[in-house]
Amino acid sequence: MVQATREPEDEAEKDTPESTIFKAVEALLKGIEVQLPAPHAFRDKDEHDRDRVRVRWWDNAARDYRRACNAARCRHRPSSES
């Protein structure tokens, strides 16, 4: 039997396509992580550029990525094409 409570050891293991109970619980509690459509991105609180966000799947009022984003402070990063 697969150990259900073991957290994946590294990012590569977390990004595997196979389902695990850990991934299901993480998505349920933290929100699902989705790729933003190009060229959209933002800077997180630590000034890292991000093009993926966790969204509040349970929030029916969130009609766009900005409102659905789970990040506390998502600041828009202008596209390099401007």
PDB file of N, CA and C in Angstrom:
ATOM      1  N   MET A   1       0.840  -1.175   0.000  1.00  0.00           N
ATOM      2  CA  MET A   1       0.000   0.000   0.000  1.00  0.00           C
ATOM      3  C   MET A   1       0.890   1.245   0.000  1.00  0.00           C
ATOM      4  N   VAL A   2       0.466   2.273  -0.721  1.00  0.00           N
ATOM      5  CA  VAL A   2       1.199   3.533  -0.787  1.00  0.00           C
ATOM      6  C   VAL A   2       0.933   4.332   0.478  1.00  0.00           C
ATOM      7  N   GLN A   3       1.984   4.895   1.028  1.00  0.00           N
ATOM      8  CA  GLN A   3       1.840   5.720   2.226  1.00  0.00           C
ATOM      9  C   GLN A   3       1.155   7.032   1.844  1.00  0.00           C
ATOM     10  N   ALA A   4      -0.030   7.270   2.363  1.00  0.00           N
ATOM     11  CA  ALA A   4      -0.850   8.408   1.947  1.00  0.00           C
ATOM     12  C   ALA A   4      -0.440   9.724   2.585  1.00  0.00           C
ATOM     13  N   THR A   5       0.205   9.688   3.720  1.00  0.00           N
ATOM     14  CA  THR A   5       0.489  10.927   4.436  1.00  0.00           C
ATOM     15  C   THR A   5       1.873  11.482   4.157  1.00  0.00           C
ATOM     16  N   ARG A   6       2.649  10.804   3.331  1.00  0.00           N
ATOM     17  CA  ARG A   6       4.009  11.260   3.058  1.00  0.00           C
ATOM     18  C   ARG A   6       3.988  12.417   2.063  1.00  0.00           C
ATOM     19  N   GLU A   7       4.603  13.533   2.445  1.00  0.00           N
ATOM     20  CA  GLU A   7       4.708  14.674   1.541  1.00  0.00           C
ATOM     21  C   GLU A   7       5.796  14.389   0.513  1.00  0.00           C
ATOM     22  N   PRO A   8       5.567  14.741  -0.758  1.00  0.00           N
ATOM     23  CA  PRO A   8       6.617  14.557  -1.762  1.00  0.00           C
ATOM     24  C   PRO A   8       7.904  15.261  -1.332  1.00  0.00           C
ATOM     25  N   GLU A   9       9.036  14.634  -1.643  1.00  0.00           N
ATOM     26  CA  GLU A   9      10.324  15.129  -1.152  1.00  0.00           C
ATOM     27  C   GLU A   9      10.819  16.383  -1.859  1.00  0.00           C
ATOM     28  N   ASP A  10      10.522  16.548  -3.132  1.00  0.00           N
ATOM     29  CA  ASP A  10      11.028  17.713  -3.857  1.00  0.00           C
ATOM     30  C   ASP A  10      10.002  18.169  -4.896  1.00  0.00           C
ATOM     31  N   GLU A  11      10.307  19.286  -5.544  1.00  0.00           N
ATOM     32  CA  GLU A  11       9.376  19.860  -6.526  1.00  0.00           C
ATOM     33  C   GLU A  11       9.135  18.915  -7.701  1.00  0.00           C
ATOM     34  N   ALA A  12      10.169  18.185  -8.122  1.00  0.00           N
ATOM     35  CA  ALA A  12      10.001  17.264  -9.250  1.00  0.00           C
ATOM     36  C   ALA A  12       8.972  16.191  -8.919  1.00  0.00           C
ATOM     37  N   GLU A  13       9.016  15.690  -7.700  1.00  0.00           N
ATOM     38  CA  GLU A  13       8.048  14.674  -7.290  1.00  0.00           C
ATOM     39  C   GLU A  13       6.643  15.263  -7.159  1.00  0.00           C
ATOM     40  N   LYS A  14       6.546  16.525  -6.726  1.00  0.00           N
ATOM     41  CA  LYS A  14       5.236  17.173  -6.603  1.00  0.00           C
ATOM     42  C   LYS A  14       4.599  17.393  -7.967  1.00  0.00           C
ATOM     43  N   ASP A  15       5.414  17.567  -9.000  1.00  0.00           N
ATOM     44  CA  ASP A  15       4.907  17.884 -10.332  1.00  0.00           C
ATOM     45  C   ASP A  15       4.607  16.664 -11.196  1.00  0.00           C
ATOM     46  N   THR A  16       4.673  15.469 -10.630  1.00  0.00           N
ATOM     47  CA  THR A  16       4.348  14.288 -11.426  1.00  0.00           C
ATOM     48  C   THR A  16       2.856  14.275 -11.738  1.00  0.00           C
ATOM     49  N   PRO A  17       2.476  13.706 -12.878  1.00  0.00           N
ATOM     50  CA  PRO A  17       1.070  13.722 -13.270  1.00  0.00           C
ATOM     51  C   PRO A  17       0.193  12.744 -12.486  1.00  0.00           C
ATOM     52  N   GLU A  18       0.802  11.783 -11.787  1.00  0.00           N
ATOM     53  CA  GLU A  18      -0.027  10.797 -11.088  1.00  0.00           C
ATOM     54  C   GLU A  18      -0.697  11.397  -9.855  1.00  0.00           C
ATOM     55  N   SER A  19      -1.890  10.939  -9.602  1.00  0.00           N
ATOM     56  CA  SER A  19      -2.653  11.444  -8.459  1.00  0.00           C
ATOM     57  C   SER A  19      -2.150  10.817  -7.164  1.00  0.00           C
ATOM     58  N   THR A  20      -2.180  11.607  -6.116  1.00  0.00           N
ATOM     59  CA  THR A  20      -1.866  11.095  -4.790  1.00  0.00           C
ATOM     60  C   THR A  20      -2.850  11.725  -3.815  1.00  0.00           C
ATOM     61  N   ILE A  21      -2.995  11.093  -2.693  1.00  0.00           N
ATOM     62  CA  ILE A  21      -3.866  11.668  -1.666  1.00  0.00           C
ATOM     63  C   ILE A  21      -3.295  13.000  -1.207  1.00  0.00           C
ATOM     64  N   PHE A  22      -1.966  13.108  -1.128  1.00  0.00           N
ATOM     65  CA  PHE A  22      -1.332  14.369  -0.726  1.00  0.00           C
ATOM     66  C   PHE A  22      -1.747  15.496  -1.666  1.00  0.00           C
ATOM     67  N   LYS A  23      -1.683  15.249  -2.975  1.00  0.00           N
ATOM     68  CA  LYS A  23      -2.040  16.289  -3.948  1.00  0.00           C
ATOM     69  C   LYS A  23      -3.511  16.671  -3.849  1.00  0.00           C
ATOM     70  N   ALA A  24      -4.360  15.681  -3.603  1.00  0.00           N
ATOM     71  CA  ALA A  24      -5.789  15.964  -3.479  1.00  0.00           C
ATOM     72  C   ALA A  24      -6.073  16.839  -2.263  1.00  0.00           C
ATOM     73  N   VAL A  25      -5.460  16.510  -1.143  1.00  0.00           N
ATOM     74  CA  VAL A  25      -5.667  17.294   0.080  1.00  0.00           C
ATOM     75  C   VAL A  25      -5.075  18.687  -0.080  1.00  0.00           C
ATOM     76  N   GLU A  26      -3.894  18.787  -0.694  1.00  0.00           N
ATOM     77  CA  GLU A  26      -3.263  20.091  -0.919  1.00  0.00           C
ATOM     78  C   GLU A  26      -4.156  20.985  -1.786  1.00  0.00           C
ATOM     79  N   ALA A  27      -4.720  20.439  -2.853  1.00  0.00           N
ATOM     80  CA  ALA A  27      -5.610  21.219  -3.726  1.00  0.00           C
ATOM     81  C   ALA A  27      -6.874  21.631  -2.990  1.00  0.00           C
ATOM     82  N   LEU A  28      -7.394  20.743  -2.185  1.00  0.00           N
ATOM     83  CA  LEU A  28      -8.606  21.040  -1.432  1.00  0.00           C
ATOM     84  C   LEU A  28      -8.379  22.170  -0.431  1.00  0.00           C
ATOM     85  N   LEU A  29      -7.256  22.131   0.271  1.00  0.00           N
ATOM     86  CA  LEU A  29      -6.986  23.111   1.324  1.00  0.00           C
ATOM     87  C   LEU A  29      -6.380  24.416   0.819  1.00  0.00           C
ATOM     88  N   LYS A  30      -5.473  24.331  -0.158  1.00  0.00           N
ATOM     89  CA  LYS A  30      -4.755  25.522  -0.620  1.00  0.00           C
ATOM     90  C   LYS A  30      -5.316  26.101  -1.909  1.00  0.00           C
ATOM     91  N   GLY A  31      -6.060  25.317  -2.645  1.00  0.00           N
ATOM     92  CA  GLY A  31      -6.538  25.738  -3.953  1.00  0.00           C
ATOM     93  C   GLY A  31      -5.732  25.064  -5.043  1.00  0.00           C
ATOM     94  N   ILE A  32      -6.316  24.989  -6.232  1.00  0.00           N
ATOM     95  CA  ILE A  32      -5.598  24.363  -7.342  1.00  0.00           C
ATOM     96  C   ILE A  32      -4.633  25.373  -7.955  1.00  0.00           C
ATOM     97  N   GLU A  33      -3.540  24.875  -8.484  1.00  0.00           N
ATOM     98  CA  GLU A  33      -2.536  25.747  -9.098  1.00  0.00           C
ATOM     99  C   GLU A  33      -2.721  25.708 -10.610  1.00  0.00           C
ATOM    100  N   VAL A  34      -2.820  26.889 -11.216  1.00  0.00           N
ATOM    101  CA  VAL A  34      -3.026  26.976 -12.659  1.00  0.00           C
ATOM    102  C   VAL A  34      -2.008  27.924 -13.289  1.00  0.00           C
ATOM    103  N   GLN A  35      -1.712  27.662 -14.549  1.00  0.00           N
ATOM    104  CA  GLN A  35      -0.828  28.517 -15.342  1.00  0.00           C
ATOM    105  C   GLN A  35      -1.628  29.729 -15.803  1.00  0.00           C
ATOM    106  N   LEU A  36      -1.079  30.923 -15.626  1.00  0.00           N
ATOM    107  CA  LEU A  36      -1.728  32.123 -16.147  1.00  0.00           C
ATOM    108  C   LEU A  36      -1.547  32.176 -17.662  1.00  0.00           C
ATOM    109  N   PRO A  37      -2.509  32.715 -18.378  1.00  0.00           N
ATOM    110  CA  PRO A  37      -2.333  32.846 -19.825  1.00  0.00           C
ATOM    111  C   PRO A  37      -1.211  33.844 -20.133  1.00  0.00           C
ATOM    112  N   ALA A  38      -0.402  33.541 -21.140  1.00  0.00           N
ATOM    113  CA  ALA A  38       0.689  34.439 -21.530  1.00  0.00           C
ATOM    114  C   ALA A  38       0.101  35.747 -22.026  1.00  0.00           C
ATOM    115  N   PRO A  39       0.695  36.858 -21.759  1.00  0.00           N
ATOM    116  CA  PRO A  39       1.946  37.132 -21.058  1.00  0.00           C
ATOM    117  C   PRO A  39       1.733  37.508 -19.591  1.00  0.00           C
ATOM    118  N   HIS A  40       0.628  37.126 -18.995  1.00  0.00           N
ATOM    119  CA  HIS A  40       0.305  37.553 -17.638  1.00  0.00           C
ATOM    120  C   HIS A  40       1.204  36.902 -16.596  1.00  0.00           C
ATOM    121  N   ALA A  41       1.586  37.711 -15.615  1.00  0.00           N
ATOM    122  CA  ALA A  41       2.420  37.255 -14.501  1.00  0.00           C
ATOM    123  C   ALA A  41       2.297  38.278 -13.384  1.00  0.00           C
ATOM    124  N   PHE A  42       2.888  37.973 -12.252  1.00  0.00           N
ATOM    125  CA  PHE A  42       2.878  38.909 -11.130  1.00  0.00           C
ATOM    126  C   PHE A  42       4.119  38.683 -10.283  1.00  0.00           C
ATOM    127  N   ARG A  43       4.385  39.630  -9.406  1.00  0.00           N
ATOM    128  CA  ARG A  43       5.481  39.495  -8.439  1.00  0.00           C
ATOM    129  C   ARG A  43       4.886  39.142  -7.096  1.00  0.00           C
ATOM    130  N   ASP A  44       5.460  38.134  -6.447  1.00  0.00           N
ATOM    131  CA  ASP A  44       4.953  37.752  -5.135  1.00  0.00           C
ATOM    132  C   ASP A  44       5.563  38.642  -4.055  1.00  0.00           C
ATOM    133  N   LYS A  45       5.235  38.372  -2.804  1.00  0.00           N
ATOM    134  CA  LYS A  45       5.694  39.212  -1.690  1.00  0.00           C
ATOM    135  C   LYS A  45       7.211  39.224  -1.559  1.00  0.00           C
ATOM    136  N   ASP A  46       7.892  38.207  -2.083  1.00  0.00           N
ATOM    137  CA  ASP A  46       9.352  38.133  -2.029  1.00  0.00           C
ATOM    138  C   ASP A  46      10.005  38.613  -3.322  1.00  0.00           C
ATOM    139  N   GLU A  47       9.209  39.285  -4.173  1.00  0.00           N
ATOM    140  CA  GLU A  47       9.682  39.858  -5.443  1.00  0.00           C
ATOM    141  C   GLU A  47      10.069  38.807  -6.489  1.00  0.00           C
ATOM    142  N   HIS A  48       9.541  37.592  -6.386  1.00  0.00           N
ATOM    143  CA  HIS A  48       9.772  36.576  -7.408  1.00  0.00           C
ATOM    144  C   HIS A  48       8.680  36.691  -8.470  1.00  0.00           C
ATOM    145  N   ASP A  49       9.072  36.616  -9.732  1.00  0.00           N
ATOM    146  CA  ASP A  49       8.097  36.626 -10.819  1.00  0.00           C
ATOM    147  C   ASP A  49       7.387  35.277 -10.864  1.00  0.00           C
ATOM    148  N   ARG A  50       6.083  35.311 -10.976  1.00  0.00           N
ATOM    149  CA  ARG A  50       5.273  34.088 -10.990  1.00  0.00           C
ATOM    150  C   ARG A  50       4.329  34.111 -12.185  1.00  0.00           C
ATOM    151  N   ASP A  51       4.179  32.955 -12.835  1.00  0.00           N
ATOM    152  CA  ASP A  51       3.195  32.843 -13.910  1.00  0.00           C
ATOM    153  C   ASP A  51       2.200  31.719 -13.622  1.00  0.00           C
ATOM    154  N   ARG A  52       2.207  31.235 -12.382  1.00  0.00           N
ATOM    155  CA  ARG A  52       1.246  30.241 -11.905  1.00  0.00           C
ATOM    156  C   ARG A  52       0.637  30.763 -10.609  1.00  0.00           C
ATOM    157  N   VAL A  53      -0.632  30.489 -10.405  1.00  0.00           N
ATOM    158  CA  VAL A  53      -1.310  30.935  -9.183  1.00  0.00           C
ATOM    159  C   VAL A  53      -2.162  29.808  -8.611  1.00  0.00           C
ATOM    160  N   ARG A  54      -2.352  29.885  -7.322  1.00  0.00           N
ATOM    161  CA  ARG A  54      -3.341  29.021  -6.670  1.00  0.00           C
ATOM    162  C   ARG A  54      -4.646  29.800  -6.646  1.00  0.00           C
ATOM    163  N   VAL A  55      -5.702  29.148  -7.070  1.00  0.00           N
ATOM    164  CA  VAL A  55      -6.995  29.826  -7.124  1.00  0.00           C
ATOM    165  C   VAL A  55      -7.971  29.227  -6.113  1.00  0.00           C
ATOM    166  N   ARG A  56      -8.821  30.097  -5.629  1.00  0.00           N
ATOM    167  CA  ARG A  56      -9.863  29.679  -4.685  1.00  0.00           C
ATOM    168  C   ARG A  56     -11.006  29.055  -5.483  1.00  0.00           C
ATOM    169  N   TRP A  57     -10.942  27.782  -5.716  1.00  0.00           N
ATOM    170  CA  TRP A  57     -11.942  27.083  -6.517  1.00  0.00           C
ATOM    171  C   TRP A  57     -13.325  27.145  -5.874  1.00  0.00           C
ATOM    172  N   TRP A  58     -13.374  27.378  -4.597  1.00  0.00           N
ATOM    173  CA  TRP A  58     -14.638  27.382  -3.850  1.00  0.00           C
ATOM    174  C   TRP A  58     -15.339  28.740  -3.886  1.00  0.00           C
ATOM    175  N   ASP A  59     -14.700  29.764  -4.455  1.00  0.00           N
ATOM    176  CA  ASP A  59     -15.228  31.129  -4.442  1.00  0.00           C
ATOM    177  C   ASP A  59     -16.010  31.420  -5.725  1.00  0.00           C
ATOM    178  N   ASN A  60     -17.321  31.315  -5.666  1.00  0.00           N
ATOM    179  CA  ASN A  60     -18.164  31.555  -6.848  1.00  0.00           C
ATOM    180  C   ASN A  60     -18.123  32.998  -7.327  1.00  0.00           C
ATOM    181  N   ALA A  61     -17.749  33.933  -6.454  1.00  0.00           N
ATOM    182  CA  ALA A  61     -17.701  35.348  -6.827  1.00  0.00           C
ATOM    183  C   ALA A  61     -16.430  35.692  -7.603  1.00  0.00           C
ATOM    184  N   ALA A  62     -15.433  34.834  -7.568  1.00  0.00           N
ATOM    185  CA  ALA A  62     -14.164  35.093  -8.258  1.00  0.00           C
ATOM    186  C   ALA A  62     -14.331  34.769  -9.739  1.00  0.00           C
ATOM    187  N   ARG A  63     -14.528  35.804 -10.547  1.00  0.00           N
ATOM    188  CA  ARG A  63     -14.805  35.616 -11.977  1.00  0.00           C
ATOM    189  C   ARG A  63     -13.578  35.802 -12.863  1.00  0.00           C
ATOM    190  N   ASP A  64     -12.446  36.214 -12.262  1.00  0.00           N
ATOM    191  CA  ASP A  64     -11.214  36.348 -13.034  1.00  0.00           C
ATOM    192  C   ASP A  64     -10.037  35.925 -12.155  1.00  0.00           C
ATOM    193  N   TYR A  65      -8.852  35.804 -12.770  1.00  0.00           N
ATOM    194  CA  TYR A  65      -7.679  35.336 -12.035  1.00  0.00           C
ATOM    195  C   TYR A  65      -7.311  36.255 -10.880  1.00  0.00           C
ATOM    196  N   ARG A  66      -7.409  37.553 -11.087  1.00  0.00           N
ATOM    197  CA  ARG A  66      -7.021  38.498 -10.037  1.00  0.00           C
ATOM    198  C   ARG A  66      -7.865  38.293  -8.774  1.00  0.00           C
ATOM    199  N   ARG A  67      -9.161  38.087  -8.948  1.00  0.00           N
ATOM    200  CA  ARG A  67     -10.044  37.889  -7.786  1.00  0.00           C
ATOM    201  C   ARG A  67      -9.915  36.482  -7.205  1.00  0.00           C
ATOM    202  N   ALA A  68      -9.579  35.520  -8.038  1.00  0.00           N
ATOM    203  CA  ALA A  68      -9.491  34.134  -7.581  1.00  0.00           C
ATOM    204  C   ALA A  68      -8.131  33.785  -6.991  1.00  0.00           C
ATOM    205  N   CYS A  69      -7.143  34.637  -7.228  1.00  0.00           N
ATOM    206  CA  CYS A  69      -5.776  34.368  -6.771  1.00  0.00           C
ATOM    207  C   CYS A  69      -5.720  34.256  -5.251  1.00  0.00           C
ATOM    208  N   ASN A  70      -5.044  33.226  -4.769  1.00  0.00           N
ATOM    209  CA  ASN A  70      -4.911  33.001  -3.338  1.00  0.00           C
ATOM    210  C   ASN A  70      -3.751  33.782  -2.731  1.00  0.00           C
ATOM    211  N   ALA A  71      -2.906  34.371  -3.539  1.00  0.00           N
ATOM    212  CA  ALA A  71      -1.760  35.119  -3.013  1.00  0.00           C
ATOM    213  C   ALA A  71      -2.245  36.361  -2.277  1.00  0.00           C
ATOM    214  N   ALA A  72      -1.626  36.629  -1.156  1.00  0.00           N
ATOM    215  CA  ALA A  72      -2.040  37.771  -0.330  1.00  0.00           C
ATOM    216  C   ALA A  72      -1.837  39.089  -1.072  1.00  0.00           C
ATOM    217  N   ARG A  73      -0.695  39.226  -1.726  1.00  0.00           N
ATOM    218  CA  ARG A  73      -0.395  40.469  -2.447  1.00  0.00           C
ATOM    219  C   ARG A  73       0.136  40.145  -3.835  1.00  0.00           C
ATOM    220  N   CYS A  74      -0.724  40.089  -4.794  1.00  0.00           N
ATOM    221  CA  CYS A  74      -0.317  39.850  -6.182  1.00  0.00           C
ATOM    222  C   CYS A  74      -0.197  41.192  -6.875  1.00  0.00           C
ATOM    223  N   ARG A  75       1.009  41.566  -7.219  1.00  0.00           N
ATOM    224  CA  ARG A  75       1.196  42.814  -7.959  1.00  0.00           C
ATOM    225  C   ARG A  75       1.460  42.475  -9.411  1.00  0.00           C
ATOM    226  N   HIS A  76       0.729  43.111 -10.292  1.00  0.00           N
ATOM    227  CA  HIS A  76       0.867  42.863 -11.725  1.00  0.00           C
ATOM    228  C   HIS A  76       2.282  43.177 -12.178  1.00  0.00           C
ATOM    229  N   ARG A  77       2.852  42.281 -12.959  1.00  0.00           N
ATOM    230  CA  ARG A  77       4.153  42.515 -13.579  1.00  0.00           C
ATOM    231  C   ARG A  77       3.902  42.852 -15.037  1.00  0.00           C
ATOM    232  N   PRO A  78       4.263  44.060 -15.470  1.00  0.00           N
ATOM    233  CA  PRO A  78       4.028  44.438 -16.872  1.00  0.00           C
ATOM    234  C   PRO A  78       4.723  43.475 -17.824  1.00  0.00           C
ATOM    235  N   SER A  79       4.099  43.212 -18.954  1.00  0.00           N
ATOM    236  CA  SER A  79       4.724  42.316 -19.922  1.00  0.00           C
ATOM    237  C   SER A  79       5.921  43.009 -20.554  1.00  0.00           C
ATOM    238  N   SER A  80       6.884  42.209 -20.995  1.00  0.00           N
ATOM    239  CA  SER A  80       8.099  42.766 -21.594  1.00  0.00           C
ATOM    240  C   SER A  80       7.831  43.317 -22.986  1.00  0.00           C
ATOM    241  N   GLU A  81       6.645  43.033 -23.536  1.00  0.00           N
ATOM    242  CA  GLU A  81       6.300  43.512 -24.875  1.00  0.00           C
ATOM    243  C   GLU A  81       5.815  44.951 -24.875  1.00  0.00           C
ATOM    244  N   SER A  82       5.613  45.572 -23.707  1.00  0.00           N
ATOM    245  CA  SER A  82       5.078  46.941 -23.635  1.00  0.00           C
ATOM    246  C   SER A  82       6.072  47.953 -24.120  1.00  0.00           C
TER     247      SER A  82
END
